[in-house]
């Protein structure tokens, strides 16, 4: 049974978050948390928070052992894009896209 945690409408591009999420997919939860401490990215603390939420959900709601948890699925979907305008020369305007993301982490208990 997969236990899920989500962070919705994170104000960061999905491309940037996916680079971090791809590093932890398939790892044990404790190993992934240690790895996220040393990743030099603005996305790492956000992903770490979601992993901890999934770990807490498994522990509190389903009484699973934290030592046997691993990340079975981790993915980042694109949220809505906030359009902004940058004034340019001669009355023109360029569009700036402020992107958002939805992060989903699923953990399962590993069979011994």
Protein backbone atom coordinates (compact mmCIF):
# COMPACT_ATOMS: atom_id res chain seq x y z
CA UNK A 1 0.00 0.00 0.00
CA UNK A 2 1.45 3.35 -1.07
CA UNK A 3 1.20 6.28 1.35
CA UNK A 4 1.13 9.66 -0.37
CA UNK A 5 2.10 13.23 0.51
CA UNK A 6 1.67 16.25 -1.75
CA UNK A 7 2.79 19.84 -1.94
CA UNK A 8 0.64 21.85 -4.30
CA UNK A 9 1.28 25.19 -6.00
CA UNK A 10 4.97 25.39 -5.10
CA UNK A 11 6.33 28.62 -6.62
CA UNK A 12 9.16 26.99 -8.55
CA UNK A 13 9.54 25.59 -12.02
CA UNK A 14 8.80 21.85 -12.33
CA UNK A 15 12.01 21.41 -14.33
CA UNK A 16 14.11 22.56 -11.37
CA UNK A 17 12.29 20.40 -8.85
CA UNK A 18 12.43 17.28 -11.06
CA UNK A 19 16.23 17.37 -11.00
CA UNK A 20 16.11 16.87 -7.21
CA UNK A 21 13.23 14.39 -7.19
CA UNK A 22 14.98 12.15 -9.73
CA UNK A 23 17.88 11.69 -7.29
CA UNK A 24 15.75 10.27 -4.47
CA UNK A 25 13.28 8.06 -6.35
CA UNK A 26 13.59 4.40 -5.29
CA UNK A 27 15.77 5.09 -2.23
CA UNK A 28 15.03 4.35 1.41
CA UNK A 29 13.39 7.30 3.16
CA UNK A 30 16.18 7.81 5.72
CA UNK A 31 18.81 7.68 2.97
CA UNK A 32 16.84 10.17 0.85
CA UNK A 33 16.54 12.61 3.78
CA UNK A 34 20.31 12.49 4.34
CA UNK A 35 20.95 13.01 0.63
CA UNK A 36 18.63 16.03 0.51
CA UNK A 37 20.67 17.72 3.27
CA UNK A 38 23.67 17.94 0.93
CA UNK A 39 21.98 18.87 -2.35
CA UNK A 40 22.73 22.48 -3.23
CA UNK A 41 19.39 23.52 -4.68
CA UNK A 42 16.47 25.71 -3.61
CA UNK A 43 14.17 22.77 -4.31
CA UNK A 44 15.87 20.40 -1.84
CA UNK A 45 14.26 21.76 1.39
CA UNK A 46 10.82 21.72 -0.24
CA UNK A 47 11.20 18.11 -1.41
CA UNK A 48 12.59 17.13 2.01
CA UNK A 49 9.49 18.56 3.66
CA UNK A 50 7.22 16.45 1.44
CA UNK A 51 9.26 13.30 2.12
CA UNK A 52 8.95 13.93 5.87
CA UNK A 53 5.19 14.40 5.46
CA UNK A 54 4.89 11.05 3.69
CA UNK A 55 7.02 9.41 6.39
CA UNK A 56 4.82 10.90 9.13
CA UNK A 57 1.64 9.81 7.33
CA UNK A 58 2.91 6.21 7.17
CA UNK A 59 3.99 6.24 10.81
CA UNK A 60 0.95 7.95 12.36
CA UNK A 61 -1.93 6.77 10.17
CA UNK A 62 -0.81 3.26 9.19
CA UNK A 63 1.70 2.40 11.96
CA UNK A 64 4.42 1.41 9.52
CA UNK A 65 8.05 1.01 10.56
CA UNK A 66 10.12 4.02 9.44
CA UNK A 67 13.24 1.93 8.89
CA UNK A 68 11.55 -0.17 6.19
CA UNK A 69 10.03 2.70 4.19
CA UNK A 70 11.25 3.47 0.70
CA UNK A 71 10.16 6.00 -1.93
CA UNK A 72 8.16 3.97 -4.43
CA UNK A 73 7.06 6.91 -6.60
CA UNK A 74 8.09 10.54 -6.80
CA UNK A 75 6.94 12.92 -9.48
CA UNK A 76 6.43 16.60 -10.19
CA UNK A 77 3.51 17.93 -12.21
CA UNK A 78 3.08 21.41 -13.61
CA UNK A 79 0.65 23.73 -11.85
CA UNK A 80 -0.81 26.87 -13.33
CA UNK A 81 1.41 29.60 -14.74
CA UNK A 82 1.13 33.15 -13.42
CA UNK A 83 1.50 35.58 -16.33
CA UNK A 84 3.52 38.75 -15.73
CA UNK A 85 4.54 41.56 -18.06
CA UNK A 86 8.02 43.07 -18.48
CA UNK A 87 8.00 46.52 -20.13
CA UNK A 88 10.34 46.78 -23.10
CA UNK A 89 11.47 49.48 -25.49
CA UNK A 90 9.08 51.40 -27.76
CA UNK A 91 5.96 50.49 -25.80
CA UNK A 92 6.31 46.75 -26.20
CA UNK A 93 5.77 44.22 -23.43
CA UNK A 94 7.34 40.79 -22.99
CA UNK A 95 5.53 38.05 -21.14
CA UNK A 96 7.16 36.45 -18.10
CA UNK A 97 5.85 33.07 -16.96
CA UNK A 98 5.96 32.44 -13.21
CA UNK A 99 5.55 28.69 -13.01
CA UNK A 100 4.15 26.57 -10.19
CA UNK A 101 4.48 22.86 -9.42
CA UNK A 102 2.73 20.00 -7.65
CA UNK A 103 5.11 17.58 -5.88
CA UNK A 104 3.90 14.04 -5.05
CA UNK A 105 5.88 11.52 -3.00
CA UNK A 106 4.65 7.96 -2.38
CA UNK A 107 6.27 5.65 0.19
CA UNK A 108 5.77 1.93 0.75
CA UNK A 109 6.98 -0.51 3.33
CA UNK A 110 9.71 -2.80 2.02
CA UNK A 111 9.22 -6.53 2.54
CA UNK A 112 11.90 -8.05 4.72
